PDB file of N, CA and C in Angstrom:
ATOM      1  N   MET A   1    -183.018   5.283 -23.925  1.00  0.00           N
ATOM      2  CA  MET A   1    -182.151   4.477 -23.117  1.00  0.00           C
ATOM      3  C   MET A   1    -182.441   3.181 -22.994  1.00  0.00           C
ATOM      4  N   SER A   2    -183.365   2.788 -24.134  1.00  0.00           N
ATOM      5  CA  SER A   2    -183.314   1.178 -24.438  1.00  0.00           C
ATOM      6  C   SER A   2    -182.505   0.765 -25.604  1.00  0.00           C
ATOM      7  N   GLU A   3    -181.836  -0.462 -24.872  1.00  0.00           N
ATOM      8  CA  GLU A   3    -181.006  -1.375 -25.979  1.00  0.00           C
ATOM      9  C   GLU A   3    -182.052  -2.276 -26.574  1.00  0.00           C
ATOM     10  N   SER A   4    -181.074  -2.240 -27.860  1.00  0.00           N
ATOM     11  CA  SER A   4    -181.621  -3.233 -28.836  1.00  0.00           C
ATOM     12  C   SER A   4    -180.968  -4.934 -28.521  1.00  0.00           C
ATOM     13  N   SER A   5    -182.263  -5.324 -27.918  1.00  0.00           N
ATOM     14  CA  SER A   5    -181.727  -6.959 -27.684  1.00  0.00           C
ATOM     15  C   SER A   5    -182.151  -7.976 -28.787  1.00  0.00           C
ATOM     16  N   THR A   6    -181.202  -9.297 -29.439  1.00  0.00           N
ATOM     17  CA  THR A   6    -181.374 -10.200 -30.220  1.00  0.00           C
ATOM     18  C   THR A   6    -182.553 -11.093 -29.666  1.00  0.00           C
ATOM     19  N   PRO A   7    -183.694 -11.471 -29.866  1.00  0.00           N
ATOM     20  CA  PRO A   7    -184.158 -12.216 -29.151  1.00  0.00           C
ATOM     21  C   PRO A   7    -183.516 -13.877 -29.486  1.00  0.00           C
ATOM     22  N   PRO A   8    -183.633 -14.417 -28.241  1.00  0.00           N
ATOM     23  CA  PRO A   8    -182.881 -16.022 -28.210  1.00  0.00           C
ATOM     24  C   PRO A   8    -182.905 -16.717 -29.912  1.00  0.00           C
ATOM     25  N   GLN A   9    -183.808 -16.520 -30.394  1.00  0.00           N
ATOM     26  CA  GLN A   9    -184.471 -17.254 -31.295  1.00  0.00           C
ATOM     27  C   GLN A   9    -183.271 -16.477 -32.514  1.00  0.00           C
ATOM     28  N   ALA A  10    -183.487 -15.955 -32.611  1.00  0.00           N
ATOM     29  CA  ALA A  10    -182.409 -15.273 -34.024  1.00  0.00           C
ATOM     30  C   ALA A  10    -181.138 -15.294 -33.653  1.00  0.00           C
ATOM     31  N   ALA A  11    -180.763 -15.266 -32.130  1.00  0.00           N
ATOM     32  CA  ALA A  11    -179.636 -15.224 -32.023  1.00  0.00           C
ATOM     33  C   ALA A  11    -178.748 -16.704 -32.319  1.00  0.00           C
ATOM     34  N   ALA A  12    -179.188 -17.665 -32.306  1.00  0.00           N
ATOM     35  CA  ALA A  12    -179.053 -19.167 -32.841  1.00  0.00           C
ATOM     36  C   ALA A  12    -178.811 -19.229 -34.436  1.00  0.00           C
ATOM     37  N   LYS A  13    -178.052 -20.462 -34.222  1.00  0.00           N
ATOM     38  CA  LYS A  13    -177.663 -19.876 -36.102  1.00  0.00           C
ATOM     39  C   LYS A  13    -178.719 -20.775 -36.872  1.00  0.00           C
ATOM     40  N   ALA A  14    -179.088 -19.853 -37.810  1.00  0.00           N
ATOM     41  CA  ALA A  14    -180.196 -20.495 -38.810  1.00  0.00           C
ATOM     42  C   ALA A  14    -179.403 -21.414 -39.393  1.00  0.00           C
ATOM     43  N   THR A  15    -180.470 -22.023 -39.611  1.00  0.00           N
ATOM     44  CA  THR A  15    -179.914 -23.488 -40.582  1.00  0.00           C
ATOM     45  C   THR A  15    -181.778 -23.997 -41.378  1.00  0.00           C
ATOM     46  N   ARG A  16    -180.989 -24.763 -42.384  1.00  0.00           N
ATOM     47  CA  ARG A  16    -182.348 -25.386 -43.560  1.00  0.00           C
ATOM     48  C   ARG A  16    -182.716 -26.440 -42.876  1.00  0.00           C
ATOM     49  N   LEU A  17    -183.799 -27.013 -42.488  1.00  0.00           N
ATOM     50  CA  LEU A  17    -184.442 -28.131 -42.244  1.00  0.00           C
ATOM     51  C   LEU A  17    -184.743 -28.857 -43.413  1.00  0.00           C
ATOM     52  N   ILE A  18    -184.234 -29.692 -43.813  1.00  0.00           N
ATOM     53  CA  ILE A  18    -184.718 -30.220 -45.207  1.00  0.00           C
ATOM     54  C   ILE A  18    -185.256 -31.800 -44.547  1.00  0.00           C
ATOM     55  N   PRO A  19    -186.550 -32.323 -45.408  1.00  0.00           N
ATOM     56  CA  PRO A  19    -187.086 -33.601 -45.166  1.00  0.00           C
ATOM     57  C   PRO A  19    -186.446 -34.695 -46.398  1.00  0.00           C
ATOM     58  N   LEU A  20    -186.114 -35.262 -45.249  1.00  0.00           N
ATOM     59  CA  LEU A  20    -185.477 -36.663 -46.187  1.00  0.00           C
ATOM     60  C   LEU A  20    -185.578 -36.497 -47.624  1.00  0.00           C
ATOM     61  N   THR A  21    -187.058 -36.901 -47.743  1.00  0.00           N
ATOM     62  CA  THR A  21    -187.559 -37.617 -49.323  1.00  0.00           C
ATOM     63  C   THR A  21    -187.140 -36.234 -50.029  1.00  0.00           C
ATOM     64  N   LYS A  22    -186.856 -35.028 -49.641  1.00  0.00           N
ATOM     65  CA  LYS A  22    -186.165 -34.092 -50.701  1.00  0.00           C
ATOM     66  C   LYS A  22    -185.193 -33.251 -51.126  1.00  0.00           C
ATOM     67  N   TRP A  23    -184.300 -34.487 -49.667  1.00  0.00           N
ATOM     68  CA  TRP A  23    -182.665 -33.796 -49.964  1.00  0.00           C
ATOM     69  C   TRP A  23    -182.581 -34.071 -51.203  1.00  0.00           C
ATOM     70  N   ASN A  24    -182.724 -34.650 -52.352  1.00  0.00           N
ATOM     71  CA  ASN A  24    -181.917 -34.975 -53.592  1.00  0.00           C
ATOM     72  C   ASN A  24    -182.879 -33.657 -54.728  1.00  0.00           C
ATOM     73  N   ASP A  25    -183.767 -32.947 -54.162  1.00  0.00           N
ATOM     74  CA  ASP A  25    -183.936 -31.630 -54.746  1.00  0.00           C
ATOM     75  C   ASP A  25    -183.068 -30.426 -54.130  1.00  0.00           C
ATOM     76  N   HIS A  26    -182.832 -30.134 -53.240  1.00  0.00           N
ATOM     77  CA  HIS A  26    -181.642 -29.459 -52.867  1.00  0.00           C
ATOM     78  C   HIS A  26    -179.636 -30.028 -53.245  1.00  0.00           C
ATOM     79  N   HIS A  27    -179.618 -31.190 -53.021  1.00  0.00           N
ATOM     80  CA  HIS A  27    -178.427 -31.723 -53.338  1.00  0.00           C
ATOM     81  C   HIS A  27    -178.490 -32.964 -53.754  1.00  0.00           C
ATOM     82  N   ASP A  28    -177.259 -33.430 -54.635  1.00  0.00           N
ATOM     83  CA  ASP A  28    -176.960 -34.314 -55.582  1.00  0.00           C
ATOM     84  C   ASP A  28    -176.593 -35.625 -54.603  1.00  0.00           C
ATOM     85  N   TRP A  29    -176.072 -35.306 -53.574  1.00  0.00           N
ATOM     86  CA  TRP A  29    -174.896 -36.403 -52.812  1.00  0.00           C
ATOM     87  C   TRP A  29    -175.785 -36.199 -51.296  1.00  0.00           C
ATOM     88  N   PRO A  30    -175.382 -37.265 -50.492  1.00  0.00           N
ATOM     89  CA  PRO A  30    -176.026 -38.376 -51.077  1.00  0.00           C
ATOM     90  C   PRO A  30    -177.128 -39.007 -51.511  1.00  0.00           C
ATOM     91  N   PRO A  31    -177.769 -39.852 -51.883  1.00  0.00           N
ATOM     92  CA  PRO A  31    -178.851 -39.879 -52.752  1.00  0.00           C
ATOM     93  C   PRO A  31    -180.049 -41.015 -51.403  1.00  0.00           C
ATOM     94  N   ILE A  32    -181.082 -40.692 -51.257  1.00  0.00           N
ATOM     95  CA  ILE A  32    -181.644 -40.596 -50.695  1.00  0.00           C
ATOM     96  C   ILE A  32    -181.675 -42.313 -49.518  1.00  0.00           C
ATOM     97  N   GLY A  33    -181.561 -43.555 -50.352  1.00  0.00           N
ATOM     98  CA  GLY A  33    -180.809 -44.584 -49.641  1.00  0.00           C
ATOM     99  C   GLY A  33    -179.763 -44.157 -49.005  1.00  0.00           C
ATOM    100  N   GLY A  34    -178.832 -43.659 -49.188  1.00  0.00           N
ATOM    101  CA  GLY A  34    -177.720 -43.374 -48.759  1.00  0.00           C
ATOM    102  C   GLY A  34    -178.014 -42.880 -47.358  1.00  0.00           C
ATOM    103  N   LEU A  35    -178.320 -41.792 -47.499  1.00  0.00           N
ATOM    104  CA  LEU A  35    -179.340 -41.226 -46.305  1.00  0.00           C
ATOM    105  C   LEU A  35    -180.399 -42.284 -45.368  1.00  0.00           C
ATOM    106  N   ARG A  36    -180.975 -42.754 -46.003  1.00  0.00           N
ATOM    107  CA  ARG A  36    -181.742 -43.651 -45.316  1.00  0.00           C
ATOM    108  C   ARG A  36    -180.667 -44.757 -44.129  1.00  0.00           C
ATOM    109  N   HIS A  37    -179.785 -44.799 -44.859  1.00  0.00           N
ATOM    110  CA  HIS A  37    -178.468 -45.824 -44.821  1.00  0.00           C
ATOM    111  C   HIS A  37    -178.101 -45.372 -42.887  1.00  0.00           C
ATOM    112  N   LEU A  38    -177.755 -43.761 -43.376  1.00  0.00           N
ATOM    113  CA  LEU A  38    -177.163 -42.871 -42.359  1.00  0.00           C
ATOM    114  C   LEU A  38    -178.120 -42.849 -40.936  1.00  0.00           C
ATOM    115  N   VAL A  39    -179.513 -42.525 -41.322  1.00  0.00           N
ATOM    116  CA  VAL A  39    -180.734 -42.571 -40.338  1.00  0.00           C
ATOM    117  C   VAL A  39    -180.750 -43.871 -39.265  1.00  0.00           C
ATOM    118  N   PHE A  40    -181.046 -44.985 -40.308  1.00  0.00           N
ATOM    119  CA  PHE A  40    -180.771 -45.896 -39.540  1.00  0.00           C
ATOM    120  C   PHE A  40    -179.787 -46.281 -38.625  1.00  0.00           C
ATOM    121  N   ASN A  41    -178.807 -46.101 -38.875  1.00  0.00           N
ATOM    122  CA  ASN A  41    -177.745 -46.608 -38.174  1.00  0.00           C
ATOM    123  C   ASN A  41    -177.032 -45.389 -37.128  1.00  0.00           C
ATOM    124  N   ALA A  42    -177.670 -44.233 -36.963  1.00  0.00           N
ATOM    125  CA  ALA A  42    -177.849 -42.937 -37.129  1.00  0.00           C
ATOM    126  C   ALA A  42    -176.842 -42.959 -34.964  1.00  0.00           C
ATOM    127  N   LYS A  43    -177.209 -44.409 -34.305  1.00  0.00           N
ATOM    128  CA  LYS A  43    -176.757 -44.175 -32.966  1.00  0.00           C
ATOM    129  C   LYS A  43    -175.413 -44.301 -33.194  1.00  0.00           C
ATOM    130  N   GLU A  44    -174.780 -45.457 -34.015  1.00  0.00           N
ATOM    131  CA  GLU A  44    -173.663 -46.084 -34.328  1.00  0.00           C
ATOM    132  C   GLU A  44    -172.621 -44.793 -34.649  1.00  0.00           C
ATOM    133  N   ASN A  45    -172.901 -44.327 -36.115  1.00  0.00           N
ATOM    134  CA  ASN A  45    -172.473 -43.337 -36.678  1.00  0.00           C
ATOM    135  C   ASN A  45    -172.355 -42.088 -36.530  1.00  0.00           C
ATOM    136  N   GLY A  46    -172.980 -41.511 -35.313  1.00  0.00           N
ATOM    137  CA  GLY A  46    -172.762 -40.227 -34.610  1.00  0.00           C
ATOM    138  C   GLY A  46    -173.916 -39.763 -35.320  1.00  0.00           C
ATOM    139  N   PHE A  47    -174.460 -39.688 -36.711  1.00  0.00           N
ATOM    140  CA  PHE A  47    -175.496 -39.040 -37.471  1.00  0.00           C
ATOM    141  C   PHE A  47    -176.638 -38.197 -36.823  1.00  0.00           C
ATOM    142  N   GLU A  48    -177.018 -39.160 -35.419  1.00  0.00           N
ATOM    143  CA  GLU A  48    -178.231 -38.797 -34.647  1.00  0.00           C
ATOM    144  C   GLU A  48    -178.217 -36.932 -34.337  1.00  0.00           C
ATOM    145  N   ARG A  49    -176.985 -36.023 -34.457  1.00  0.00           N
ATOM    146  CA  ARG A  49    -177.231 -34.918 -34.178  1.00  0.00           C
ATOM    147  C   ARG A  49    -177.492 -33.871 -35.593  1.00  0.00           C
ATOM    148  N   CYS A  50    -177.519 -34.862 -36.608  1.00  0.00           N
ATOM    149  CA  CYS A  50    -178.118 -34.095 -37.692  1.00  0.00           C
ATOM    150  C   CYS A  50    -179.468 -34.212 -38.061  1.00  0.00           C
ATOM    151  N   ILE A  51    -180.233 -34.955 -37.580  1.00  0.00           N
ATOM    152  CA  ILE A  51    -181.568 -35.282 -37.835  1.00  0.00           C
ATOM    153  C   ILE A  51    -182.500 -35.075 -36.636  1.00  0.00           C
ATOM    154  N   ARG A  52    -183.648 -34.481 -37.014  1.00  0.00           N
ATOM    155  CA  ARG A  52    -184.654 -33.632 -36.313  1.00  0.00           C
ATOM    156  C   ARG A  52    -186.012 -34.487 -36.990  1.00  0.00           C
ATOM    157  N   ARG A  53    -186.654 -34.626 -35.946  1.00  0.00           N
ATOM    158  CA  ARG A  53    -187.933 -35.314 -35.818  1.00  0.00           C
ATOM    159  C   ARG A  53    -188.875 -35.104 -35.675  1.00  0.00           C
ATOM    160  N   VAL A  54    -190.018 -34.705 -36.615  1.00  0.00           N
ATOM    161  CA  VAL A  54    -191.457 -33.912 -36.230  1.00  0.00           C
ATOM    162  C   VAL A  54    -192.707 -35.208 -36.149  1.00  0.00           C
ATOM    163  N   GLY A  55    -193.196 -35.457 -35.131  1.00  0.00           N
ATOM    164  CA  GLY A  55    -193.698 -37.089 -35.717  1.00  0.00           C
ATOM    165  C   GLY A  55    -193.526 -37.663 -36.696  1.00  0.00           C
ATOM    166  N   ARG A  56    -193.735 -38.092 -37.358  1.00  0.00           N
ATOM    167  CA  ARG A  56    -192.988 -39.356 -38.362  1.00  0.00           C
ATOM    168  C   ARG A  56    -191.919 -38.649 -39.657  1.00  0.00           C
ATOM    169  N   ARG A  57    -191.942 -37.317 -39.638  1.00  0.00           N
ATOM    170  CA  ARG A  57    -191.259 -36.940 -40.599  1.00  0.00           C
ATOM    171  C   ARG A  57    -189.906 -36.867 -40.067  1.00  0.00           C
ATOM    172  N   VAL A  58    -189.049 -36.858 -40.842  1.00  0.00           N
ATOM    173  CA  VAL A  58    -187.462 -36.920 -40.422  1.00  0.00           C
ATOM    174  C   VAL A  58    -186.681 -35.913 -41.588  1.00  0.00           C
ATOM    175  N   LEU A  59    -186.366 -34.880 -40.598  1.00  0.00           N
ATOM    176  CA  LEU A  59    -185.657 -34.005 -41.137  1.00  0.00           C
ATOM    177  C   LEU A  59    -184.081 -33.796 -41.121  1.00  0.00           C
ATOM    178  N   ILE A  60    -183.281 -33.354 -41.931  1.00  0.00           N
ATOM    179  CA  ILE A  60    -182.246 -33.041 -42.201  1.00  0.00           C
ATOM    180  C   ILE A  60    -181.590 -32.104 -41.865  1.00  0.00           C
ATOM    181  N   ASP A  61    -180.808 -31.606 -40.901  1.00  0.00           N
ATOM    182  CA  ASP A  61    -180.404 -30.403 -40.575  1.00  0.00           C
ATOM    183  C   ASP A  61    -179.081 -30.152 -41.695  1.00  0.00           C
ATOM    184  N   GLU A  62    -179.055 -29.418 -42.670  1.00  0.00           N
ATOM    185  CA  GLU A  62    -178.624 -28.826 -43.443  1.00  0.00           C
ATOM    186  C   GLU A  62    -176.844 -28.920 -43.268  1.00  0.00           C
ATOM    187  N   ALA A  63    -176.779 -27.517 -42.173  1.00  0.00           N
ATOM    188  CA  ALA A  63    -175.914 -27.169 -41.597  1.00  0.00           C
ATOM    189  C   ALA A  63    -174.859 -28.398 -40.538  1.00  0.00           C
ATOM    190  N   ALA A  64    -175.555 -29.064 -40.222  1.00  0.00           N
ATOM    191  CA  ALA A  64    -175.035 -30.246 -39.176  1.00  0.00           C
ATOM    192  C   ALA A  64    -174.572 -31.485 -40.222  1.00  0.00           C
ATOM    193  N   PHE A  65    -175.515 -31.628 -40.699  1.00  0.00           N
ATOM    194  CA  PHE A  65    -174.876 -32.197 -42.030  1.00  0.00           C
ATOM    195  C   PHE A  65    -173.473 -32.639 -42.670  1.00  0.00           C
ATOM    196  N   PHE A  66    -173.384 -31.033 -43.305  1.00  0.00           N
ATOM    197  CA  PHE A  66    -171.907 -30.843 -43.997  1.00  0.00           C
ATOM    198  C   PHE A  66    -171.379 -30.641 -42.616  1.00  0.00           C
ATOM    199  N   ALA A  67    -171.226 -30.145 -41.622  1.00  0.00           N
ATOM    200  CA  ALA A  67    -170.418 -30.480 -40.542  1.00  0.00           C
ATOM    201  C   ALA A  67    -169.859 -31.772 -39.767  1.00  0.00           C
ATOM    202  N   TRP A  68    -171.002 -32.815 -39.819  1.00  0.00           N
ATOM    203  CA  TRP A  68    -170.427 -34.170 -39.731  1.00  0.00           C
ATOM    204  C   TRP A  68    -169.651 -34.924 -40.866  1.00  0.00           C
ATOM    205  N   VAL A  69    -170.578 -34.328 -42.001  1.00  0.00           N
ATOM    206  CA  VAL A  69    -169.089 -34.916 -42.951  1.00  0.00           C
ATOM    207  C   VAL A  69    -167.955 -34.237 -43.146  1.00  0.00           C
ATOM    208  N   ASP A  70    -167.659 -33.243 -42.616  1.00  0.00           N
ATOM    209  CA  ASP A  70    -166.027 -32.495 -42.745  1.00  0.00           C
ATOM    210  C   ASP A  70    -165.380 -33.338 -41.356  1.00  0.00           C
ATOM    211  N   GLU A  71    -166.202 -33.620 -40.173  1.00  0.00           N
ATOM    212  CA  GLU A  71    -165.485 -34.258 -38.969  1.00  0.00           C
ATOM    213  C   GLU A  71    -165.218 -36.077 -39.782  1.00  0.00           C
ATOM    214  N   GLN A  72    -166.134 -36.748 -40.232  1.00  0.00           N
ATOM    215  CA  GLN A  72    -165.624 -37.937 -41.174  1.00  0.00           C
ATOM    216  C   GLN A  72    -164.398 -37.941 -41.577  1.00  0.00           C
ATOM    217  N   ASN A  73    -163.942 -36.548 -42.556  1.00  0.00           N
ATOM    218  CA  ASN A  73    -163.228 -36.923 -43.310  1.00  0.00           C
ATOM    219  C   ASN A  73    -161.964 -35.931 -42.233  1.00  0.00           C
ATOM    220  N   ALA A  74    -162.249 -35.628 -41.521  1.00  0.00           N
ATOM    221  CA  ALA A  74    -160.936 -34.959 -40.769  1.00  0.00           C
ATOM    222  C   ALA A  74    -159.815 -35.836 -39.912  1.00  0.00           C
ATOM    223  N   GLY A  75    -160.613 -37.419 -40.319  1.00  0.00           N
ATOM    224  CA  GLY A  75    -159.468 -38.057 -39.998  1.00  0.00           C
ATOM    225  C   GLY A  75    -158.657 -38.916 -40.807  1.00  0.00           C
ATOM    226  N   ASP A  76    -159.058 -38.569 -42.277  1.00  0.00           N
ATOM    227  CA  ASP A  76    -158.296 -39.120 -43.271  1.00  0.00           C
ATOM    228  C   ASP A  76    -157.295 -38.475 -43.919  1.00  0.00           C
ATOM    229  N   LEU A  77    -157.052 -36.503 -43.723  1.00  0.00           N
ATOM    230  CA  LEU A  77    -156.077 -35.951 -43.801  1.00  0.00           C
ATOM    231  C   LEU A  77    -155.062 -36.040 -43.000  1.00  0.00           C
ATOM    232  N   SER A  78    -153.923 -36.138 -44.232  1.00  0.00           N
ATOM    233  CA  SER A  78    -152.476 -36.341 -43.167  1.00  0.00           C
ATOM    234  C   SER A  78    -151.856 -35.201 -42.777  1.00  0.00           C
TER     235      SER A  78
END
């Protein structure tokens, strides 16, 4: 009679958090300088949902980043 339930942590969509300084080890674009510009202006450009801060470390949520890029390009499609 025991039901297997998924813990809330596992139910959440798994994503990879990449330190800003290591981004180019995983992806060629954007360069570190471009990412820093996005982080610096995050409140104006909506990029703040892609950022996770742990102390002084800035982590980029990989899945949120590519979703943000898709949203930025959605307005350009006709």
